Amino acid sequence: MPVGGRTSLHSAGQVSGETVLLETGELNQIIEYPSRDMTITVEAGIRFETLQKELAKEKQRLPIDIPQASRASLGGAIASNTSGPSRFGYGTFRDYVIGISAVDGQGRLFSAGGKVVKNVAGYDLGKLLIGSMGTLATITEVTLKLRPIFETRVIVIASFEPEFDLDAVLVAMDKSATRPCVLDLLNTKAAWQLDGEANLKLPDGKTLLWIEYEGTAAETNWQATTVLEELKQYRPEDVVTIEDDSHEQFHDALREFQTASDDPITFRASLPKSRCAEFLKLATEANVAAQAHAGNGVVYGHLPDRCTTPQVANEILLSLRNFAESHQGALTVLSFDGEWADKIDLYGRRNSAWGLMSRVKETLDPEKLMSPNRFIT
């Protein structure tokens, strides 16, 4: 099983003691960087923070939020399809990977996209490897398209009472004259947890609507002013605007929220964005700290410390998962107490996509050599 920074090592199931780990940390070189073309080709073991620092020298970046960037490898982030709050404005790795090379379980090198196109068995391998959790092949090299670094960022945080119906606010934001790059919701416990870890002095006991704008000073100032006017009709309890250098501290804290820490279980739910506010209310009732990428329908949550047994954890997960699945969504457990490996349902109901993914696995890794007993088996 390929491993990079080990930040998502248990995100698709417990790693067996018999599994051979293939370290990719030495694959950390920049192969080609024609900055004027705004593309770069790098080895997959490079740390994400290192990559961003190199791009910054040319005033460029890869606009994907990766938690624990100093540890996370590029290949691992791609294999887990990691993204964060900025996916609302900038998308995910599927929007930036234009070429990829990998080695399958039998040691065969293949490439897709970029300068060389060698798709195997009719599959778009570049897309398949994104989010495959190392179950199909080991990513070795990636070609990415880039974006310029923004001039400035403005953050607008509006607070509401927990019982306030935020559906109308989210619909308004969807129709806003502005173009946020972040549109998140934090329930009361998530806001409290974020404040405690980063000392942001956020409003206490409130649900937070967190909006970010990036661009030139003129662009961000106009958008912040406009969204403040749009929000007035919903009478938020308070609105805070962050325009100074502290925006980095706020954004970094928001990005890192989804990282599992000492919480017994961390999960990710996907559901229609129109159901995010309702899902957050359910999470609040269960004392779950939850962050919704409300513009994309993705929610990260941390179960409370009272979940001292898998039985208690399963009760909370079942309630939230039933809601997500009843609206054609899903809930996946990302991290958990290792001793609970056989007692926690990581994925819930398998839909028709699982059969398709199993057939792809059978075609590309018929001997089941890659990441055994993980994700798709």
Protein backbone atom coordinates (compact mmCIF):
# COMPACT_ATOMS: atom_id res chain seq x y z
CA MET A 1 0.00 0.00 0.00
CA PRO A 2 1.45 3.39 -0.99
CA VAL A 3 1.84 5.94 1.82
CA GLY A 4 2.94 9.57 1.80
CA GLY A 5 2.49 11.77 4.85
CA ARG A 6 0.15 9.26 6.55
CA THR A 7 -2.50 11.92 7.10
CA SER A 8 -5.23 9.72 5.57
CA LEU A 9 -3.77 6.33 6.42
CA HIS A 10 -6.91 5.00 8.08
CA SER A 11 -9.48 6.88 6.01
CA ALA A 12 -10.58 3.80 4.08
CA GLY A 13 -10.32 1.17 6.79
CA GLN A 14 -7.84 -0.27 9.21
CA VAL A 15 -4.44 -1.17 7.73
CA SER A 16 -3.63 -4.84 8.27
CA GLY A 17 -0.40 -5.69 10.07
CA GLU A 18 0.50 -7.88 7.08
CA THR A 19 0.22 -5.01 4.61
CA VAL A 20 3.52 -3.88 3.06
CA LEU A 21 3.76 -0.08 3.10
CA LEU A 22 5.45 1.57 0.11
CA GLU A 23 6.93 4.90 1.21
CA THR A 24 6.87 7.61 -1.48
CA GLY A 25 8.64 10.35 0.48
CA GLU A 26 11.80 10.20 -1.66
CA LEU A 27 9.79 10.90 -4.80
CA ASN A 28 9.87 14.62 -4.07
CA GLN A 29 11.45 16.37 -7.05
CA ILE A 30 10.11 19.02 -9.40
CA ILE A 31 10.42 17.56 -12.90
CA GLU A 32 9.42 20.54 -15.01
CA TYR A 33 8.00 23.96 -14.18
CA PRO A 34 7.23 26.17 -17.20
CA SER A 35 5.72 28.91 -15.05
CA ARG A 36 4.57 30.99 -18.03
CA ASP A 37 2.34 28.08 -19.06
CA MET A 38 1.03 27.90 -15.48
CA THR A 39 1.65 24.16 -15.26
CA ILE A 40 4.04 22.04 -13.23
CA THR A 41 5.13 18.40 -13.27
CA VAL A 42 6.30 16.98 -9.94
CA GLU A 43 6.93 13.65 -8.27
CA ALA A 44 4.03 12.53 -6.12
CA GLY A 45 5.86 12.29 -2.80
CA ILE A 46 6.50 16.03 -2.55
CA ARG A 47 4.93 17.59 0.53
CA PHE A 48 2.04 19.89 -0.30
CA GLU A 49 3.47 22.80 1.69
CA THR A 50 6.81 22.46 -0.13
CA LEU A 51 5.02 22.54 -3.48
CA GLN A 52 3.07 25.68 -2.55
CA LYS A 53 6.26 27.45 -1.42
CA GLU A 54 7.93 26.71 -4.75
CA LEU A 55 4.89 27.95 -6.67
CA ALA A 56 4.73 31.12 -4.57
CA LYS A 57 8.16 32.13 -5.88
CA GLU A 58 6.42 32.61 -9.24
CA LYS A 59 3.29 34.13 -7.63
CA GLN A 60 1.33 31.01 -8.42
CA ARG A 61 -0.49 28.35 -6.39
CA LEU A 62 -2.61 25.21 -6.46
CA PRO A 63 -5.84 26.54 -4.88
CA ILE A 64 -6.84 23.42 -2.97
CA ASP A 65 -7.04 23.43 0.82
CA ILE A 66 -5.07 20.48 2.20
CA PRO A 67 -5.05 20.03 6.00
CA GLN A 68 -1.70 19.21 7.61
CA ALA A 69 0.04 20.51 4.48
CA SER A 70 3.51 20.19 5.99
CA ARG A 71 2.98 16.42 6.26
CA ALA A 72 0.56 15.60 3.46
CA SER A 73 2.08 14.42 0.19
CA LEU A 74 0.67 15.51 -3.14
CA GLY A 75 0.11 11.91 -4.24
CA GLY A 76 -1.68 11.06 -1.02
CA ALA A 77 -3.89 14.14 -1.27
CA ILE A 78 -4.82 13.15 -4.83
CA ALA A 79 -5.42 9.50 -3.91
CA SER A 80 -7.78 10.58 -1.11
CA ASN A 81 -9.20 13.45 -3.21
CA THR A 82 -8.72 15.76 -0.26
CA SER A 83 -10.15 19.26 -0.48
CA GLY A 84 -11.34 21.94 1.91
CA PRO A 85 -13.47 25.06 2.16
CA SER A 86 -12.12 26.62 -1.05
CA ARG A 87 -13.58 23.84 -3.19
CA PHE A 88 -16.69 26.05 -3.54
CA GLY A 89 -14.79 28.61 -5.57
CA TYR A 90 -11.95 26.58 -7.03
CA GLY A 91 -13.02 22.94 -7.31
CA THR A 92 -11.05 19.79 -6.51
CA PHE A 93 -8.10 17.86 -7.91
CA ARG A 94 -10.20 16.70 -10.84
CA ASP A 95 -10.10 20.31 -12.03
CA TYR A 96 -6.29 20.58 -11.85
CA VAL A 97 -4.70 17.21 -12.65
CA ILE A 98 -3.94 17.19 -16.37
CA GLY A 99 -1.44 14.35 -16.39
CA ILE A 100 -0.56 11.48 -14.11
CA SER A 101 1.85 8.53 -13.98
CA ALA A 102 1.55 5.50 -11.74
CA VAL A 103 2.77 1.94 -11.15
CA ASP A 104 0.28 -0.90 -10.80
CA GLY A 105 0.53 -3.90 -8.49
CA GLN A 106 2.55 -5.85 -11.04
CA GLY A 107 5.17 -3.13 -11.42
CA ARG A 108 3.93 -1.79 -14.75
CA LEU A 109 4.28 1.95 -15.32
CA PHE A 110 1.43 3.75 -17.08
CA SER A 111 0.54 7.35 -17.81
CA ALA A 112 -2.59 9.28 -18.65
CA GLY A 113 -3.18 12.83 -19.83
CA GLY A 114 -0.49 15.48 -20.12
CA LYS A 115 2.11 15.00 -22.82
CA VAL A 116 1.67 11.24 -22.94
CA VAL A 117 -1.70 9.53 -23.21
CA LYS A 118 -1.69 5.80 -22.52
CA ASN A 119 -5.10 4.94 -21.15
CA VAL A 120 -5.52 1.30 -20.20
CA ALA A 121 -8.60 -0.79 -21.01
CA GLY A 122 -10.51 2.28 -22.16
CA TYR A 123 -10.58 3.91 -18.72
CA ASP A 124 -9.73 7.53 -17.98
CA LEU A 125 -7.03 6.57 -15.52
CA GLY A 126 -6.30 10.12 -14.47
CA LYS A 127 -9.82 10.53 -13.14
CA LEU A 128 -9.93 7.00 -11.68
CA LEU A 129 -6.80 7.44 -9.58
CA ILE A 130 -8.15 10.60 -7.95
CA GLY A 131 -9.91 9.34 -4.82
CA SER A 132 -8.92 5.69 -5.35
CA MET A 133 -7.18 5.52 -1.93
CA GLY A 134 -4.23 3.62 -3.36
CA THR A 135 -6.37 0.62 -4.32
CA LEU A 136 -5.59 0.73 -8.06
CA ALA A 137 -1.96 1.87 -8.37
CA THR A 138 0.80 3.95 -6.79
CA ILE A 139 0.84 7.52 -8.12
CA THR A 140 4.42 8.51 -8.98
CA GLU A 141 4.23 11.73 -11.00
CA VAL A 142 1.63 14.44 -11.59
CA THR A 143 1.18 17.36 -13.99
CA LEU A 144 -1.01 20.15 -12.66
CA LYS A 145 -2.46 23.37 -13.96
CA LEU A 146 -2.06 26.38 -11.65
CA ARG A 147 -3.62 29.70 -10.73
CA PRO A 148 -2.14 33.07 -9.74
CA ILE A 149 -1.84 34.00 -6.07
CA PHE A 150 -4.60 36.36 -5.00
CA GLU A 151 -3.82 39.93 -3.98
CA THR A 152 -6.02 40.00 -0.89
CA ARG A 153 -8.68 38.04 1.00
CA VAL A 154 -11.72 39.30 2.93
CA ILE A 155 -13.70 37.07 5.31
CA VAL A 156 -17.28 37.77 6.35
CA ILE A 157 -18.66 35.78 9.32
CA ALA A 158 -22.36 36.16 10.13
CA SER A 159 -23.74 34.58 13.31
CA PHE A 160 -27.28 33.25 13.83
CA GLU A 161 -29.18 31.61 16.65
CA PRO A 162 -28.91 27.79 16.39
CA GLU A 163 -32.65 27.42 15.73
CA PHE A 164 -32.63 29.99 12.88
CA ASP A 165 -33.67 28.51 9.51
CA LEU A 166 -30.63 29.09 7.33
CA ASP A 167 -32.10 27.52 4.18
CA ALA A 168 -33.31 30.89 2.88
CA VAL A 169 -29.91 32.45 3.58
CA LEU A 170 -28.12 29.72 1.63
CA VAL A 171 -30.52 30.12 -1.30
CA ALA A 172 -29.78 33.85 -1.26
CA MET A 173 -26.04 33.17 -1.24
CA ASP A 174 -26.50 30.86 -4.21
CA LYS A 175 -28.11 33.76 -6.07
CA SER A 176 -25.74 36.40 -4.71
CA ALA A 177 -24.26 39.00 -7.01
CA THR A 178 -20.92 38.10 -5.41
CA ARG A 179 -18.72 35.09 -6.10
CA PRO A 180 -17.39 33.63 -2.83
CA CYS A 181 -14.56 31.13 -2.87
CA VAL A 182 -15.72 29.79 0.52
CA LEU A 183 -19.30 29.29 1.70
CA ASP A 184 -19.31 27.29 4.94
CA LEU A 185 -21.60 26.71 7.89
CA LEU A 186 -20.32 25.90 11.37
CA ASN A 187 -22.65 24.68 14.08
CA THR A 188 -22.25 25.94 17.65
CA LYS A 189 -19.91 23.18 18.78
CA ALA A 190 -17.71 23.46 15.69
CA ALA A 191 -17.42 27.22 16.23
CA TRP A 192 -16.55 26.64 19.89
CA GLN A 193 -13.97 24.00 18.97
CA LEU A 194 -12.42 26.20 16.28
CA ASP A 195 -12.25 29.14 18.65
CA GLY A 196 -10.63 27.07 21.38
CA GLU A 197 -7.93 25.69 19.09
CA ALA A 198 -7.09 28.91 17.20
CA ASN A 199 -8.22 31.68 19.60
CA LEU A 200 -10.28 33.44 16.93
CA LYS A 201 -12.72 35.08 19.37
CA LEU A 202 -15.75 33.86 17.45
CA PRO A 203 -19.31 34.57 18.68
CA ASP A 204 -20.28 32.10 21.41
CA GLY A 205 -23.26 29.75 21.10
CA LYS A 206 -24.10 30.72 17.51
CA THR A 207 -24.29 29.04 14.13
CA LEU A 208 -21.81 30.73 11.79
CA LEU A 209 -22.10 31.48 8.09
CA TRP A 210 -18.50 31.85 6.90
CA ILE A 211 -17.88 33.55 3.53
CA GLU A 212 -14.55 34.35 1.90
CA TYR A 213 -13.58 36.44 -1.12
CA GLU A 214 -10.24 36.57 -2.91
CA GLY A 215 -8.96 38.85 -5.63
CA THR A 216 -7.81 42.43 -5.96
CA ALA A 217 -8.56 44.91 -3.18
CA ALA A 218 -11.25 46.53 -5.33
CA GLU A 219 -12.91 43.18 -6.09
CA THR A 220 -12.94 41.92 -2.51
CA ASN A 221 -14.09 45.25 -1.05
CA TRP A 222 -17.01 45.46 -3.47
CA GLN A 223 -18.05 41.86 -2.83
CA ALA A 224 -17.84 42.18 0.96
CA THR A 225 -19.90 45.38 0.89
CA THR A 226 -22.46 43.77 -1.41
CA VAL A 227 -22.89 40.59 0.62
CA LEU A 228 -23.31 42.60 3.82
CA GLU A 229 -26.25 44.37 2.18
CA GLU A 230 -27.68 41.05 0.97
CA LEU A 231 -27.49 39.59 4.48
CA LYS A 232 -29.28 42.46 6.21
CA GLN A 233 -32.78 41.16 5.46
CA TYR A 234 -32.00 37.97 7.43
CA ARG A 235 -31.02 39.95 10.53
CA PRO A 236 -27.95 38.05 11.71
CA GLU A 237 -27.07 38.41 15.38
CA ASP A 238 -23.67 39.80 14.44
CA VAL A 239 -21.42 40.19 11.41
CA VAL A 240 -17.63 40.33 11.56
CA THR A 241 -15.42 41.31 8.62
CA ILE A 242 -11.75 40.30 8.60
CA GLU A 243 -9.69 42.36 6.17
CA ASP A 244 -6.29 42.56 7.84
CA ASP A 245 -3.43 40.04 7.85
CA SER A 246 -5.26 37.86 10.37
CA HIS A 247 -7.27 36.41 7.49
CA GLU A 248 -4.56 33.76 7.14
CA GLN A 249 -5.07 32.64 10.74
CA PHE A 250 -8.83 32.42 10.24
CA HIS A 251 -8.64 30.56 6.93
CA ASP A 252 -6.01 28.11 8.21
CA ALA A 253 -8.16 27.29 11.24
CA LEU A 254 -11.17 26.66 9.03
CA ARG A 255 -9.12 24.41 6.73
CA GLU A 256 -7.77 22.33 9.61
CA PHE A 257 -11.15 21.67 11.22
CA GLN A 258 -11.75 18.49 9.22
CA THR A 259 -8.53 16.96 10.56
CA ALA A 260 -9.13 14.19 13.06
CA SER A 261 -7.59 15.02 16.43
CA ASP A 262 -8.58 13.45 19.73
CA ASP A 263 -12.18 12.96 18.69
CA PRO A 264 -13.41 9.34 18.82
CA ILE A 265 -14.73 9.41 15.24
CA THR A 266 -14.48 11.84 12.32
CA PHE A 267 -16.83 11.48 9.35
CA ARG A 268 -17.63 13.05 6.00
CA ALA A 269 -21.18 13.24 4.68
CA SER A 270 -22.26 14.16 1.18
CA LEU A 271 -25.82 15.21 0.42
CA PRO A 272 -27.75 17.81 -1.61
CA LYS A 273 -26.61 21.27 -0.60
CA SER A 274 -30.25 22.18 0.07
CA ARG A 275 -30.13 19.74 3.02
CA CYS A 276 -26.93 20.98 4.66
CA ALA A 277 -28.60 23.31 7.16
CA GLU A 278 -31.01 20.58 8.30
CA PHE A 279 -28.16 18.08 8.63
CA LEU A 280 -26.25 20.56 10.79
CA LYS A 281 -29.25 20.86 13.13
CA LEU A 282 -29.32 17.07 13.54
CA ALA A 283 -25.61 17.11 14.28
CA THR A 284 -26.10 19.86 16.86
CA GLU A 285 -28.81 17.83 18.61
CA ALA A 286 -26.34 14.92 18.86
CA ASN A 287 -23.60 17.23 20.21
CA VAL A 288 -21.53 16.63 17.07
CA ALA A 289 -19.15 19.38 15.93
CA ALA A 290 -19.97 19.87 12.25
CA GLN A 291 -18.65 22.01 9.41
CA ALA A 292 -20.58 22.14 6.12
CA HIS A 293 -19.14 23.21 2.82
CA ALA A 294 -22.66 24.44 2.22
CA GLY A 295 -22.17 25.36 -1.41
CA ASN A 296 -21.07 21.82 -2.26
CA GLY A 297 -23.12 19.61 0.07
CA VAL A 298 -20.15 18.19 1.98
CA VAL A 299 -20.12 18.01 5.78
CA TYR A 300 -17.29 17.06 8.16
CA GLY A 301 -18.10 16.10 11.70
CA HIS A 302 -16.42 15.01 14.93
CA LEU A 303 -18.36 12.84 17.36
CA PRO A 304 -18.40 13.95 21.03
CA ASP A 305 -16.22 12.53 23.77
CA ARG A 306 -19.21 10.74 25.30
CA CYS A 307 -18.84 8.18 22.51
CA THR A 308 -16.76 5.86 24.67
CA THR A 309 -18.12 2.68 23.06
CA PRO A 310 -18.78 1.69 19.44
CA GLN A 311 -22.43 1.16 20.35
CA VAL A 312 -22.90 4.82 21.30
CA ALA A 313 -20.97 5.93 18.22
CA ASN A 314 -23.06 3.74 15.93
CA GLU A 315 -26.29 5.20 17.30
CA ILE A 316 -25.20 8.73 16.37
CA LEU A 317 -23.78 7.65 13.01
CA LEU A 318 -26.94 5.74 12.13
CA SER A 319 -29.15 8.77 12.72
CA LEU A 320 -26.99 11.06 10.61
CA ARG A 321 -26.36 8.43 7.93
CA ASN A 322 -30.07 7.64 7.58
CA PHE A 323 -30.77 11.32 6.94
CA ALA A 324 -28.00 11.56 4.32
CA GLU A 325 -29.00 8.34 2.56
CA SER A 326 -32.68 9.29 2.57
CA HIS A 327 -31.67 12.25 0.41
CA GLN A 328 -29.46 10.24 -1.98
CA GLY A 329 -26.35 11.05 0.03
CA ALA A 330 -23.81 9.06 2.00
CA LEU A 331 -21.76 9.19 5.19
CA THR A 332 -18.23 7.81 5.41
CA VAL A 333 -16.21 7.33 8.59
CA LEU A 334 -12.73 8.82 8.06
CA SER A 335 -11.02 8.04 11.36
CA PHE A 336 -11.91 5.99 14.41
CA ASP A 337 -10.50 4.23 17.44
CA GLY A 338 -8.43 1.35 16.05
CA GLU A 339 -9.98 -1.10 18.49
CA TRP A 340 -13.39 -0.44 16.93
CA ALA A 341 -12.35 -1.55 13.43
CA ASP A 342 -14.78 -4.48 13.24
CA LYS A 343 -17.58 -2.72 15.10
CA ILE A 344 -18.08 0.49 13.10
CA ASP A 345 -19.82 0.59 9.72
CA LEU A 346 -17.50 2.82 7.69
CA TYR A 347 -19.66 3.29 4.59
CA GLY A 348 -23.31 2.42 5.21
CA ARG A 349 -25.50 1.37 2.31
CA ARG A 350 -23.66 0.40 -0.87
CA ASN A 351 -25.25 1.91 -3.95
CA SER A 352 -24.84 0.91 -7.60
CA ALA A 353 -21.53 2.80 -7.86
CA TRP A 354 -19.88 0.21 -5.60
CA GLY A 355 -20.47 -2.52 -8.17
CA LEU A 356 -18.90 -0.38 -10.88
CA MET A 357 -15.88 0.42 -8.68
CA SER A 358 -15.43 -3.28 -7.90
CA ARG A 359 -15.36 -4.10 -11.61
CA VAL A 360 -12.74 -1.40 -12.20
CA LYS A 361 -10.66 -2.85 -9.36
CA GLU A 362 -10.98 -6.33 -10.85
CA THR A 363 -9.80 -5.05 -14.23
CA LEU A 364 -6.85 -2.95 -13.06
CA ASP A 365 -5.76 -5.03 -10.06
CA PRO A 366 -7.03 -8.58 -10.64
CA GLU A 367 -4.61 -10.06 -8.08
CA LYS A 368 -5.83 -7.59 -5.44
CA LEU A 369 -2.27 -6.61 -4.60
CA MET A 370 -2.88 -2.91 -4.06
CA SER A 371 -4.04 -1.82 -0.59
CA PRO A 372 -5.73 -5.12 0.33
CA ASN A 373 -8.85 -4.98 2.53
CA ARG A 374 -9.11 -1.25 1.96
CA PHE A 375 -12.03 0.65 0.46
CA ILE A 376 -12.97 -1.43 -2.63
CA THR A 377 -11.85 -5.04 -2.09
